[in-house]
N, C-alpha and C. Protein backbone atom coordinates (compact mmCIF):
# COMPACT_ATOMS: atom_id res chain seq x y z
N UNK A 1 0.85 -1.17 0.00
CA UNK A 1 0.00 0.00 0.00
C UNK A 1 0.90 1.24 0.00
N UNK A 2 0.53 2.23 -0.79
CA UNK A 2 1.31 3.46 -0.88
C UNK A 2 1.16 4.31 0.38
N UNK A 3 2.24 5.00 0.72
CA UNK A 3 2.19 5.96 1.83
C UNK A 3 1.32 7.13 1.41
N UNK A 4 0.46 7.63 2.32
CA UNK A 4 -0.34 8.79 1.96
C UNK A 4 0.56 10.00 1.74
N UNK A 5 0.17 10.85 0.82
CA UNK A 5 0.93 12.07 0.57
C UNK A 5 -0.05 13.20 0.25
N UNK A 6 0.45 14.39 0.21
CA UNK A 6 -0.36 15.54 -0.15
C UNK A 6 -1.54 15.72 0.78
N UNK A 7 -2.71 15.90 0.18
CA UNK A 7 -3.93 16.14 0.94
C UNK A 7 -4.28 14.97 1.85
N UNK A 8 -4.14 13.76 1.37
CA UNK A 8 -4.43 12.58 2.20
C UNK A 8 -3.53 12.55 3.43
N UNK A 9 -2.27 12.90 3.27
CA UNK A 9 -1.34 12.94 4.39
C UNK A 9 -1.74 14.03 5.39
N UNK A 10 -2.13 15.20 4.90
CA UNK A 10 -2.56 16.29 5.79
C UNK A 10 -3.83 15.90 6.55
N UNK A 11 -4.79 15.26 5.87
CA UNK A 11 -6.01 14.82 6.55
C UNK A 11 -5.67 13.82 7.65
N UNK A 12 -4.80 12.87 7.35
CA UNK A 12 -4.41 11.86 8.33
C UNK A 12 -3.67 12.51 9.50
N UNK A 13 -2.79 13.45 9.22
CA UNK A 13 -2.06 14.14 10.28
C UNK A 13 -3.04 14.89 11.19
N UNK A 14 -4.04 15.53 10.60
CA UNK A 14 -5.05 16.25 11.40
C UNK A 14 -5.80 15.28 12.30
N UNK A 15 -6.27 14.19 11.72
CA UNK A 15 -7.05 13.23 12.50
C UNK A 15 -6.22 12.53 13.56
N UNK A 16 -4.93 12.40 13.35
CA UNK A 16 -4.10 11.71 14.33
C UNK A 16 -4.09 12.45 15.67
N UNK A 17 -4.43 13.72 15.66
CA UNK A 17 -4.55 14.47 16.90
C UNK A 17 -5.77 14.07 17.72
N UNK A 18 -6.62 13.25 17.14
CA UNK A 18 -7.87 12.81 17.81
C UNK A 18 -7.79 11.33 18.17
N UNK A 19 -6.59 10.83 18.48
CA UNK A 19 -6.40 9.42 18.84
C UNK A 19 -6.75 9.14 20.29
N UNK A 20 -7.50 10.00 20.90
CA UNK A 20 -7.86 9.83 22.31
C UNK A 20 -8.70 8.58 22.50
N UNK A 21 -8.53 7.91 23.62
CA UNK A 21 -9.38 6.74 23.87
C UNK A 21 -10.83 7.19 24.06
N UNK A 22 -11.77 6.33 23.71
CA UNK A 22 -13.17 6.70 23.89
C UNK A 22 -13.50 6.93 25.35
N UNK A 23 -14.36 7.88 25.58
CA UNK A 23 -14.80 8.19 26.94
C UNK A 23 -16.17 7.60 27.19
N UNK A 24 -16.86 8.15 28.15
CA UNK A 24 -18.19 7.67 28.52
C UNK A 24 -19.24 8.51 27.81
N UNK A 25 -19.16 8.55 26.48
CA UNK A 25 -20.09 9.37 25.71
C UNK A 25 -20.95 8.54 24.78
N UNK A 26 -21.33 7.35 25.20
CA UNK A 26 -22.11 6.45 24.34
C UNK A 26 -23.33 7.11 23.74
N UNK A 27 -24.07 7.87 24.53
CA UNK A 27 -25.25 8.54 24.00
C UNK A 27 -24.90 9.54 22.93
N UNK A 28 -23.79 10.24 23.10
CA UNK A 28 -23.35 11.20 22.10
C UNK A 28 -22.90 10.49 20.82
N UNK A 29 -22.20 9.37 20.97
CA UNK A 29 -21.77 8.60 19.81
C UNK A 29 -22.98 8.13 19.02
N UNK A 30 -23.96 7.60 19.70
CA UNK A 30 -25.17 7.13 19.00
C UNK A 30 -25.88 8.27 18.30
N UNK A 31 -25.92 9.44 18.93
CA UNK A 31 -26.56 10.61 18.31
C UNK A 31 -25.84 10.98 17.01
N UNK A 32 -24.51 10.93 17.02
CA UNK A 32 -23.77 11.24 15.80
C UNK A 32 -23.92 10.15 14.75
N UNK A 33 -23.88 8.90 15.16
CA UNK A 33 -24.08 7.82 14.19
C UNK A 33 -25.43 7.94 13.50
N UNK A 34 -26.43 8.29 14.26
CA UNK A 34 -27.77 8.49 13.69
C UNK A 34 -27.80 9.69 12.74
N UNK A 35 -27.15 10.77 13.13
CA UNK A 35 -27.15 11.99 12.32
C UNK A 35 -26.41 11.80 11.00
N UNK A 36 -25.46 10.88 10.95
CA UNK A 36 -24.67 10.67 9.75
C UNK A 36 -25.07 9.41 8.99
N UNK A 37 -26.28 8.93 9.19
CA UNK A 37 -26.74 7.76 8.43
C UNK A 37 -26.71 8.03 6.94
N UNK A 38 -26.98 9.26 6.57
CA UNK A 38 -26.87 9.72 5.19
C UNK A 38 -25.69 10.68 5.14
N UNK A 39 -24.93 10.71 4.04
CA UNK A 39 -23.81 11.64 3.95
C UNK A 39 -24.27 13.08 4.20
N UNK A 40 -23.56 13.76 5.08
CA UNK A 40 -23.89 15.14 5.42
C UNK A 40 -22.63 15.85 5.89
N UNK A 41 -22.64 17.16 5.82
CA UNK A 41 -21.51 17.95 6.29
C UNK A 41 -21.32 17.77 7.79
N UNK A 42 -20.07 17.86 8.24
CA UNK A 42 -19.79 17.64 9.66
C UNK A 42 -20.59 18.58 10.56
N UNK A 43 -20.55 19.88 10.27
CA UNK A 43 -21.29 20.82 11.13
C UNK A 43 -22.79 20.54 11.10
N UNK A 44 -23.33 20.25 9.93
CA UNK A 44 -24.76 19.97 9.82
C UNK A 44 -25.13 18.71 10.59
N UNK A 45 -24.29 17.68 10.51
CA UNK A 45 -24.55 16.44 11.24
C UNK A 45 -24.48 16.65 12.74
N UNK A 46 -23.51 17.42 13.19
CA UNK A 46 -23.39 17.72 14.62
C UNK A 46 -24.63 18.48 15.08
N UNK A 47 -25.06 19.46 14.31
CA UNK A 47 -26.27 20.23 14.67
C UNK A 47 -27.48 19.31 14.73
N UNK A 48 -27.59 18.39 13.76
CA UNK A 48 -28.73 17.47 13.73
C UNK A 48 -28.70 16.50 14.91
N UNK A 49 -27.51 16.24 15.44
CA UNK A 49 -27.39 15.31 16.56
C UNK A 49 -27.85 15.92 17.88
N UNK A 50 -27.93 17.25 17.92
CA UNK A 50 -28.32 17.93 19.15
C UNK A 50 -27.13 18.27 20.05
N UNK A 51 -25.92 17.88 19.65
CA UNK A 51 -24.73 18.21 20.44
C UNK A 51 -24.30 19.64 20.15
N UNK A 52 -23.63 20.27 21.13
CA UNK A 52 -23.10 21.59 20.82
C UNK A 52 -21.95 21.42 19.84
N UNK A 53 -21.65 22.46 19.07
CA UNK A 53 -20.71 22.34 17.96
C UNK A 53 -19.32 21.91 18.40
N UNK A 54 -18.79 22.48 19.45
CA UNK A 54 -17.43 22.15 19.88
C UNK A 54 -17.32 20.68 20.31
N UNK A 55 -18.23 20.24 21.18
CA UNK A 55 -18.23 18.86 21.64
C UNK A 55 -18.48 17.90 20.48
N UNK A 56 -19.44 18.24 19.65
CA UNK A 56 -19.81 17.37 18.54
C UNK A 56 -18.72 17.22 17.50
N UNK A 57 -18.06 18.34 17.12
CA UNK A 57 -16.98 18.25 16.15
C UNK A 57 -15.80 17.47 16.72
N UNK A 58 -15.48 17.70 17.98
CA UNK A 58 -14.39 16.96 18.62
C UNK A 58 -14.66 15.45 18.56
N UNK A 59 -15.86 15.07 18.92
CA UNK A 59 -16.23 13.66 18.90
C UNK A 59 -16.29 13.13 17.47
N UNK A 60 -16.80 13.92 16.53
CA UNK A 60 -16.88 13.48 15.14
C UNK A 60 -15.48 13.22 14.58
N UNK A 61 -14.52 14.09 14.88
CA UNK A 61 -13.15 13.87 14.42
C UNK A 61 -12.56 12.60 15.05
N UNK A 62 -12.85 12.35 16.32
CA UNK A 62 -12.38 11.10 16.94
C UNK A 62 -13.00 9.90 16.24
N UNK A 63 -14.28 10.02 15.90
CA UNK A 63 -14.96 8.91 15.22
C UNK A 63 -14.42 8.72 13.80
N UNK A 64 -14.00 9.80 13.15
CA UNK A 64 -13.36 9.66 11.84
C UNK A 64 -12.03 8.93 11.99
N UNK A 65 -11.25 9.27 13.01
CA UNK A 65 -9.98 8.59 13.25
C UNK A 65 -10.22 7.10 13.50
N UNK A 66 -11.27 6.79 14.26
CA UNK A 66 -11.60 5.40 14.59
C UNK A 66 -12.30 4.68 13.44
N UNK A 67 -12.60 5.41 12.39
CA UNK A 67 -13.32 4.92 11.20
C UNK A 67 -14.75 4.47 11.52
N UNK A 68 -15.33 5.08 12.56
CA UNK A 68 -16.75 4.86 12.84
C UNK A 68 -17.57 5.77 11.94
N UNK A 69 -16.97 6.88 11.55
CA UNK A 69 -17.50 7.76 10.50
C UNK A 69 -16.48 7.73 9.37
N UNK A 70 -16.94 7.88 8.15
CA UNK A 70 -16.08 7.87 6.98
C UNK A 70 -16.21 9.19 6.23
N UNK A 71 -15.22 9.50 5.42
CA UNK A 71 -15.25 10.69 4.57
C UNK A 71 -14.36 10.43 3.36
N UNK A 72 -14.47 11.27 2.35
CA UNK A 72 -13.65 11.16 1.16
C UNK A 72 -12.30 11.78 1.49
N UNK A 73 -11.29 10.94 1.70
CA UNK A 73 -9.98 11.46 2.13
C UNK A 73 -9.21 12.14 1.01
N UNK A 74 -9.80 12.24 -0.16
CA UNK A 74 -9.20 13.00 -1.26
C UNK A 74 -9.69 14.45 -1.25
N UNK A 75 -10.58 14.78 -0.31
CA UNK A 75 -11.11 16.13 -0.15
C UNK A 75 -10.57 16.72 1.15
N UNK A 76 -10.44 18.05 1.23
CA UNK A 76 -9.96 18.66 2.48
C UNK A 76 -10.90 18.34 3.64
N UNK A 77 -10.33 18.01 4.78
CA UNK A 77 -11.13 17.69 5.96
C UNK A 77 -11.43 18.98 6.72
N UNK A 78 -12.41 19.69 6.24
CA UNK A 78 -12.86 20.94 6.84
C UNK A 78 -14.10 20.67 7.66
N UNK A 79 -14.54 21.63 8.50
CA UNK A 79 -15.73 21.41 9.31
C UNK A 79 -17.00 21.13 8.51
N UNK A 80 -16.99 21.44 7.22
CA UNK A 80 -18.17 21.17 6.39
C UNK A 80 -17.96 19.98 5.45
N UNK A 81 -16.86 19.23 5.65
CA UNK A 81 -16.62 18.04 4.85
C UNK A 81 -17.75 17.04 5.06
N UNK A 82 -18.10 16.33 4.01
CA UNK A 82 -19.18 15.36 4.07
C UNK A 82 -18.68 14.06 4.71
N UNK A 83 -19.44 13.56 5.66
CA UNK A 83 -19.11 12.31 6.35
C UNK A 83 -20.36 11.44 6.43
N UNK A 84 -20.15 10.16 6.71
CA UNK A 84 -21.27 9.22 6.84
C UNK A 84 -20.88 8.11 7.78
N UNK A 85 -21.88 7.41 8.28
CA UNK A 85 -21.67 6.30 9.20
C UNK A 85 -20.99 5.15 8.47
N UNK A 86 -19.99 4.57 9.13
CA UNK A 86 -19.26 3.43 8.54
C UNK A 86 -20.16 2.23 8.41
């Protein structure tokens, strides 16, 4: 497998900062999984989940690192990047 480079490498480097172990946020995780059943922007999905933006984006990025949420890693990983449930 090729080493990621360019945009894929930057996305991976960003997500690597979210390698935190899961906490006791099961209800929040389920809310995000439900909100991302269909591909949607990160901020829109967080808003739909009912979580506040800061908490929700932090958890969404952790879930992207864990591959519980997926995204097109050929696109910039911005707060409005489209993600979906794995």
